[in-house]
Amino acid sequence: MSDGEGPGVGTVKPKRADARRNAAALLDAAAAVFVTSGVEAPIRDIATRAGVGTATIYRHFPTRADLIVAVYRHQVEALAESGPRLLTTGATPHVALGSWMDSFVDFLVTKQGLATVLQSEDPCFDPLHAYFVERLVPVCDRLLAAAVDSGEIEPGQDALELMRGAGGLCAGGGRPGYDARRLVGLLIAGLRRVG
């Protein structure tokens, strides 16, 4: 048998459950630090929040760009996975839509912290917007369709349009007392069928 042949060659070993949980905790910690301190925050701050050493972060994410991309993807995946779960646990589809939009606002607030980097010239960030649209628009569309089917909201709603509207409301802050979550809640309440 020559080098490179044999069992296991070319296969990727899946991460253990505890390794996946540790990676998720690290990404959650990085997201929280990015929101409060920006994406240029010291890696030691992220490590402290995650309860790991800086070497652990660098082992998983050799560059800051790797970490930023991973945080963004992790948050998109969490948001995408929450939509179907909310449909089964929410009191009504409209309530599920409202809960999901609350989470979407949280995501957008974090994204505001990443905005400068995401708009940089670094090509590693280019596919992130398409990834965001591909993963989240179908989830929002499913929530809207369920609320239409239940008779709670008017038909003809566009998921991407709703998400862009929420994004605009989240981007409009910056002054004391501005509450994007309340405004997005009003937007969702405005979808309700009258009569």
C-alpha atoms as a PDB file:
ATOM      1  CA  MET A   1       0.000   0.000   0.000  1.00  0.00           C
ATOM      2  CA  SER A   2       1.490   3.355  -0.980  1.00  0.00           C
ATOM      3  CA  ASP A   3       1.372   6.506   1.142  1.00  0.00           C
ATOM      4  CA  GLY A   4      -2.031   8.181   1.093  1.00  0.00           C
ATOM      5  CA  GLU A   5      -3.972   4.950   0.600  1.00  0.00           C
ATOM      6  CA  GLY A   6      -5.934   2.922   3.076  1.00  0.00           C
ATOM      7  CA  PRO A   7      -8.864   3.281   5.382  1.00  0.00           C
ATOM      8  CA  GLY A   8      -9.782   6.751   6.540  1.00  0.00           C
ATOM      9  CA  VAL A   9      -7.721   8.590   3.951  1.00  0.00           C
ATOM     10  CA  GLY A  10      -9.677  11.488   2.526  1.00  0.00           C
ATOM     11  CA  THR A  11     -12.438  11.243   5.100  1.00  0.00           C
ATOM     12  CA  VAL A  12     -13.192  14.014   7.532  1.00  0.00           C
ATOM     13  CA  LYS A  13     -13.789  12.904  11.069  1.00  0.00           C
ATOM     14  CA  PRO A  14     -16.863  14.633  12.537  1.00  0.00           C
ATOM     15  CA  LYS A  15     -16.357  16.765  15.616  1.00  0.00           C
ATOM     16  CA  ARG A  16     -17.361  15.282  18.942  1.00  0.00           C
ATOM     17  CA  ALA A  17     -20.473  16.733  20.575  1.00  0.00           C
ATOM     18  CA  ASP A  18     -18.424  18.446  23.303  1.00  0.00           C
ATOM     19  CA  ALA A  19     -16.107  19.983  20.688  1.00  0.00           C
ATOM     20  CA  ARG A  20     -19.152  21.334  18.814  1.00  0.00           C
ATOM     21  CA  ARG A  21     -20.564  22.797  22.054  1.00  0.00           C
ATOM     22  CA  ASN A  22     -17.196  24.383  22.887  1.00  0.00           C
ATOM     23  CA  ALA A  23     -16.943  25.908  19.409  1.00  0.00           C
ATOM     24  CA  ALA A  24     -20.509  27.263  19.695  1.00  0.00           C
ATOM     25  CA  ALA A  25     -19.745  28.780  23.119  1.00  0.00           C
ATOM     26  CA  LEU A  26     -16.607  30.392  21.714  1.00  0.00           C
ATOM     27  CA  LEU A  27     -18.554  31.864  18.770  1.00  0.00           C
ATOM     28  CA  ASP A  28     -21.297  33.149  21.095  1.00  0.00           C
ATOM     29  CA  ALA A  29     -18.633  34.801  23.252  1.00  0.00           C
ATOM     30  CA  ALA A  30     -16.976  36.374  20.210  1.00  0.00           C
ATOM     31  CA  ALA A  31     -20.331  37.718  18.972  1.00  0.00           C
ATOM     32  CA  ALA A  32     -21.060  39.293  22.363  1.00  0.00           C
ATOM     33  CA  VAL A  33     -17.619  40.919  22.495  1.00  0.00           C
ATOM     34  CA  PHE A  34     -17.968  42.169  18.906  1.00  0.00           C
ATOM     35  CA  VAL A  35     -21.255  43.880  19.816  1.00  0.00           C
ATOM     36  CA  THR A  36     -19.836  45.663  22.854  1.00  0.00           C
ATOM     37  CA  SER A  37     -16.248  46.304  21.756  1.00  0.00           C
ATOM     38  CA  GLY A  38     -16.165  45.949  17.975  1.00  0.00           C
ATOM     39  CA  VAL A  39     -14.477  43.361  15.792  1.00  0.00           C
ATOM     40  CA  GLU A  40     -11.042  44.700  16.655  1.00  0.00           C
ATOM     41  CA  ALA A  41     -11.494  43.758  20.318  1.00  0.00           C
ATOM     42  CA  PRO A  42      -8.519  41.929  21.805  1.00  0.00           C
ATOM     43  CA  ILE A  43      -8.672  38.154  21.366  1.00  0.00           C
ATOM     44  CA  ARG A  44      -7.924  37.822  25.088  1.00  0.00           C
ATOM     45  CA  ASP A  45     -11.305  39.496  25.819  1.00  0.00           C
ATOM     46  CA  ILE A  46     -13.074  36.846  23.735  1.00  0.00           C
ATOM     47  CA  ALA A  47     -11.037  34.078  25.368  1.00  0.00           C
ATOM     48  CA  THR A  48     -11.890  35.380  28.842  1.00  0.00           C
ATOM     49  CA  ARG A  49     -15.603  35.548  28.044  1.00  0.00           C
ATOM     50  CA  ALA A  50     -15.499  32.035  26.548  1.00  0.00           C
ATOM     51  CA  GLY A  51     -13.459  30.656  29.444  1.00  0.00           C
ATOM     52  CA  VAL A  52     -10.646  29.420  27.208  1.00  0.00           C
ATOM     53  CA  GLY A  53      -7.073  30.396  26.467  1.00  0.00           C
ATOM     54  CA  THR A  54      -6.152  32.559  23.478  1.00  0.00           C
ATOM     55  CA  ALA A  55      -4.294  29.591  21.981  1.00  0.00           C
ATOM     56  CA  THR A  56      -7.611  27.726  21.756  1.00  0.00           C
ATOM     57  CA  ILE A  57      -9.112  30.540  19.707  1.00  0.00           C
ATOM     58  CA  TYR A  58      -6.114  30.690  17.372  1.00  0.00           C
ATOM     59  CA  ARG A  59      -6.154  26.910  16.982  1.00  0.00           C
ATOM     60  CA  HIS A  60      -9.753  27.062  15.722  1.00  0.00           C
ATOM     61  CA  PHE A  61      -9.516  30.418  13.934  1.00  0.00           C
ATOM     62  CA  PRO A  62      -5.990  31.267  12.762  1.00  0.00           C
ATOM     63  CA  THR A  63      -6.987  34.790  11.627  1.00  0.00           C
ATOM     64  CA  ARG A  64      -9.439  37.395  12.842  1.00  0.00           C
ATOM     65  CA  ALA A  65     -11.210  37.128   9.468  1.00  0.00           C
ATOM     66  CA  ASP A  66     -11.718  33.387  10.062  1.00  0.00           C
ATOM     67  CA  LEU A  67     -13.314  34.172  13.421  1.00  0.00           C
ATOM     68  CA  ILE A  68     -15.560  36.909  11.995  1.00  0.00           C
ATOM     69  CA  VAL A  69     -16.804  34.656   9.177  1.00  0.00           C
ATOM     70  CA  ALA A  70     -17.439  31.825  11.649  1.00  0.00           C
ATOM     71  CA  VAL A  71     -19.380  34.117  14.016  1.00  0.00           C
ATOM     72  CA  TYR A  72     -21.532  35.404  11.173  1.00  0.00           C
ATOM     73  CA  ARG A  73     -22.284  31.901   9.852  1.00  0.00           C
ATOM     74  CA  HIS A  74     -22.972  30.590  13.364  1.00  0.00           C
ATOM     75  CA  GLN A  75     -25.516  33.331  13.989  1.00  0.00           C
ATOM     76  CA  VAL A  76     -27.199  32.821  10.615  1.00  0.00           C
ATOM     77  CA  GLU A  77     -27.493  29.085  11.294  1.00  0.00           C
ATOM     78  CA  ALA A  78     -28.946  29.630  14.772  1.00  0.00           C
ATOM     79  CA  LEU A  79     -31.521  32.022  13.346  1.00  0.00           C
ATOM     80  CA  ALA A  80     -32.380  29.674  10.469  1.00  0.00           C
ATOM     81  CA  GLU A  81     -32.864  26.732  12.837  1.00  0.00           C
ATOM     82  CA  SER A  82     -35.044  28.720  15.234  1.00  0.00           C
ATOM     83  CA  GLY A  83     -37.805  29.475  12.696  1.00  0.00           C
ATOM     84  CA  PRO A  84     -39.256  25.960  12.346  1.00  0.00           C
ATOM     85  CA  ARG A  85     -38.905  25.404  16.095  1.00  0.00           C
ATOM     86  CA  LEU A  86     -40.864  28.591  16.829  1.00  0.00           C
ATOM     87  CA  LEU A  87     -43.658  27.461  14.515  1.00  0.00           C
ATOM     88  CA  THR A  88     -44.123  24.349  16.633  1.00  0.00           C
ATOM     89  CA  THR A  89     -43.795  26.077  20.025  1.00  0.00           C
ATOM     90  CA  GLY A  90     -45.363  29.502  19.413  1.00  0.00           C
ATOM     91  CA  ALA A  91     -48.959  30.149  20.450  1.00  0.00           C
ATOM     92  CA  THR A  92     -49.809  31.100  16.850  1.00  0.00           C
ATOM     93  CA  PRO A  93     -47.852  31.526  13.601  1.00  0.00           C
ATOM     94  CA  HIS A  94     -48.046  35.319  14.035  1.00  0.00           C
ATOM     95  CA  VAL A  95     -46.525  34.999  17.514  1.00  0.00           C
ATOM     96  CA  ALA A  96     -43.819  32.727  16.048  1.00  0.00           C
ATOM     97  CA  LEU A  97     -43.102  35.334  13.366  1.00  0.00           C
ATOM     98  CA  GLY A  98     -42.826  38.053  16.015  1.00  0.00           C
ATOM     99  CA  SER A  99     -40.457  35.944  18.124  1.00  0.00           C
ATOM    100  CA  TRP A 100     -38.317  35.163  15.102  1.00  0.00           C
ATOM    101  CA  MET A 101     -38.161  38.840  14.165  1.00  0.00           C
ATOM    102  CA  ASP A 102     -36.996  39.616  17.728  1.00  0.00           C
ATOM    103  CA  SER A 103     -34.117  37.206  17.145  1.00  0.00           C
ATOM    104  CA  PHE A 104     -33.533  38.762  13.732  1.00  0.00           C
ATOM    105  CA  VAL A 105     -33.207  42.181  15.414  1.00  0.00           C
ATOM    106  CA  ASP A 106     -30.596  40.695  17.770  1.00  0.00           C
ATOM    107  CA  PHE A 107     -28.738  39.339  14.750  1.00  0.00           C
ATOM    108  CA  LEU A 108     -28.888  42.693  12.967  1.00  0.00           C
ATOM    109  CA  VAL A 109     -27.547  44.507  16.012  1.00  0.00           C
ATOM    110  CA  THR A 110     -24.573  42.126  15.996  1.00  0.00           C
ATOM    111  CA  LYS A 111     -24.220  42.593  12.245  1.00  0.00           C
ATOM    112  CA  GLN A 112     -24.025  46.355  12.795  1.00  0.00           C
ATOM    113  CA  GLY A 113     -20.919  45.639  14.858  1.00  0.00           C
ATOM    114  CA  LEU A 114     -19.499  43.663  11.938  1.00  0.00           C
ATOM    115  CA  ALA A 115     -20.615  46.100   9.227  1.00  0.00           C
ATOM    116  CA  THR A 116     -17.267  47.799   8.675  1.00  0.00           C
ATOM    117  CA  VAL A 117     -15.439  44.529   8.240  1.00  0.00           C
ATOM    118  CA  LEU A 118     -18.165  42.949   6.111  1.00  0.00           C
ATOM    119  CA  GLN A 119     -17.939  45.911   3.728  1.00  0.00           C
ATOM    120  CA  SER A 120     -14.149  45.730   3.517  1.00  0.00           C
ATOM    121  CA  GLU A 121     -12.163  44.725   0.450  1.00  0.00           C
ATOM    122  CA  ASP A 122     -11.304  41.318   1.944  1.00  0.00           C
ATOM    123  CA  PRO A 123     -12.746  38.721  -0.486  1.00  0.00           C
ATOM    124  CA  CYS A 124     -13.375  36.188   2.298  1.00  0.00           C
ATOM    125  CA  PHE A 125     -16.427  38.244   3.304  1.00  0.00           C
ATOM    126  CA  ASP A 126     -17.971  38.410  -0.197  1.00  0.00           C
ATOM    127  CA  PRO A 127     -20.116  35.237   0.027  1.00  0.00           C
ATOM    128  CA  LEU A 128     -21.657  36.125   3.393  1.00  0.00           C
ATOM    129  CA  HIS A 129     -24.538  38.250   2.093  1.00  0.00           C
ATOM    130  CA  ALA A 130     -25.620  35.542  -0.361  1.00  0.00           C
ATOM    131  CA  TYR A 131     -25.378  32.978   2.457  1.00  0.00           C
ATOM    132  CA  PHE A 132     -27.557  35.202   4.656  1.00  0.00           C
ATOM    133  CA  VAL A 133     -30.223  35.522   1.936  1.00  0.00           C
ATOM    134  CA  GLU A 134     -30.155  31.822   0.988  1.00  0.00           C
ATOM    135  CA  ARG A 135     -30.557  30.647   4.593  1.00  0.00           C
ATOM    136  CA  LEU A 136     -32.882  33.242   6.122  1.00  0.00           C
ATOM    137  CA  VAL A 137     -35.316  34.381   3.433  1.00  0.00           C
ATOM    138  CA  PRO A 138     -36.882  30.883   3.124  1.00  0.00           C
ATOM    139  CA  VAL A 139     -37.313  30.729   6.910  1.00  0.00           C
ATOM    140  CA  CYS A 140     -39.040  34.118   7.023  1.00  0.00           C
ATOM    141  CA  ASP A 141     -41.143  33.110   4.009  1.00  0.00           C
ATOM    142  CA  ARG A 142     -42.250  29.937   5.805  1.00  0.00           C
ATOM    143  CA  LEU A 143     -43.240  31.925   8.902  1.00  0.00           C
ATOM    144  CA  LEU A 144     -45.181  34.417   6.782  1.00  0.00           C
ATOM    145  CA  ALA A 145     -46.935  31.619   4.867  1.00  0.00           C
ATOM    146  CA  ALA A 146     -47.981  29.925   8.110  1.00  0.00           C
ATOM    147  CA  ALA A 147     -49.400  33.212   9.442  1.00  0.00           C
ATOM    148  CA  VAL A 148     -51.285  33.756   6.161  1.00  0.00           C
ATOM    149  CA  ASP A 149     -52.620  30.177   6.228  1.00  0.00           C
ATOM    150  CA  SER A 150     -53.860  30.691   9.789  1.00  0.00           C
ATOM    151  CA  GLY A 151     -55.694  33.831   8.683  1.00  0.00           C
ATOM    152  CA  GLU A 152     -53.682  36.075  11.020  1.00  0.00           C
ATOM    153  CA  ILE A 153     -52.024  38.266   8.404  1.00  0.00           C
ATOM    154  CA  GLU A 154     -52.864  39.554   4.966  1.00  0.00           C
ATOM    155  CA  PRO A 155     -51.539  37.496   2.041  1.00  0.00           C
ATOM    156  CA  GLY A 156     -48.980  38.876  -0.369  1.00  0.00           C
ATOM    157  CA  GLN A 157     -46.189  39.613   2.097  1.00  0.00           C
ATOM    158  CA  ASP A 158     -42.617  39.411   0.809  1.00  0.00           C
ATOM    159  CA  ALA A 159     -40.037  37.914   3.177  1.00  0.00           C
ATOM    160  CA  LEU A 160     -37.013  39.780   1.807  1.00  0.00           C
ATOM    161  CA  GLU A 161     -38.940  43.064   1.835  1.00  0.00           C
ATOM    162  CA  LEU A 162     -39.944  42.504   5.479  1.00  0.00           C
ATOM    163  CA  MET A 163     -36.370  41.651   6.440  1.00  0.00           C
ATOM    164  CA  ARG A 164     -35.046  44.743   4.653  1.00  0.00           C
ATOM    165  CA  GLY A 165     -37.633  46.863   6.450  1.00  0.00           C
ATOM    166  CA  ALA A 166     -36.492  45.479   9.792  1.00  0.00           C
ATOM    167  CA  GLY A 167     -32.890  46.103   8.756  1.00  0.00           C
ATOM    168  CA  GLY A 168     -33.676  49.719   7.965  1.00  0.00           C
ATOM    169  CA  LEU A 169     -35.305  50.171  11.358  1.00  0.00           C
ATOM    170  CA  CYS A 170     -32.289  48.626  13.087  1.00  0.00           C
ATOM    171  CA  ALA A 171     -29.873  50.850  11.160  1.00  0.00           C
ATOM    172  CA  GLY A 172     -31.831  53.985  12.092  1.00  0.00           C
ATOM    173  CA  GLY A 173     -30.760  54.000  15.723  1.00  0.00           C
ATOM    174  CA  GLY A 174     -27.864  55.699  17.377  1.00  0.00           C
ATOM    175  CA  ARG A 175     -29.743  58.218  19.458  1.00  0.00           C
ATOM    176  CA  PRO A 176     -30.835  57.781  23.086  1.00  0.00           C
ATOM    177  CA  GLY A 177     -34.225  56.142  23.446  1.00  0.00           C
ATOM    178  CA  TYR A 178     -34.271  54.676  19.944  1.00  0.00           C
ATOM    179  CA  ASP A 179     -35.751  51.184  20.241  1.00  0.00           C
ATOM    180  CA  ALA A 180     -35.461  49.165  17.030  1.00  0.00           C
ATOM    181  CA  ARG A 181     -37.086  46.132  18.653  1.00  0.00           C
ATOM    182  CA  ARG A 182     -40.232  48.137  19.497  1.00  0.00           C
ATOM    183  CA  LEU A 183     -40.402  49.533  15.957  1.00  0.00           C
ATOM    184  CA  VAL A 184     -39.968  46.100  14.366  1.00  0.00           C
ATOM    185  CA  GLY A 185     -42.704  44.855  16.713  1.00  0.00           C
ATOM    186  CA  LEU A 186     -44.987  47.583  15.357  1.00  0.00           C
ATOM    187  CA  LEU A 187     -44.084  46.507  11.824  1.00  0.00           C
ATOM    188  CA  ILE A 188     -45.055  42.898  12.590  1.00  0.00           C
ATOM    189  CA  ALA A 189     -48.260  44.022  14.355  1.00  0.00           C
ATOM    190  CA  GLY A 190     -49.126  46.015  11.223  1.00  0.00           C
ATOM    191  CA  LEU A 191     -49.219  42.794   9.180  1.00  0.00           C
ATOM    192  CA  ARG A 192     -52.273  41.590  11.126  1.00  0.00           C
ATOM    193  CA  ARG A 193     -55.425  41.055   9.126  1.00  0.00           C
ATOM    194  CA  VAL A 194     -58.055  43.677   9.942  1.00  0.00           C
ATOM    195  CA  GLY A 195     -61.564  42.456  10.732  1.00  0.00           C
END
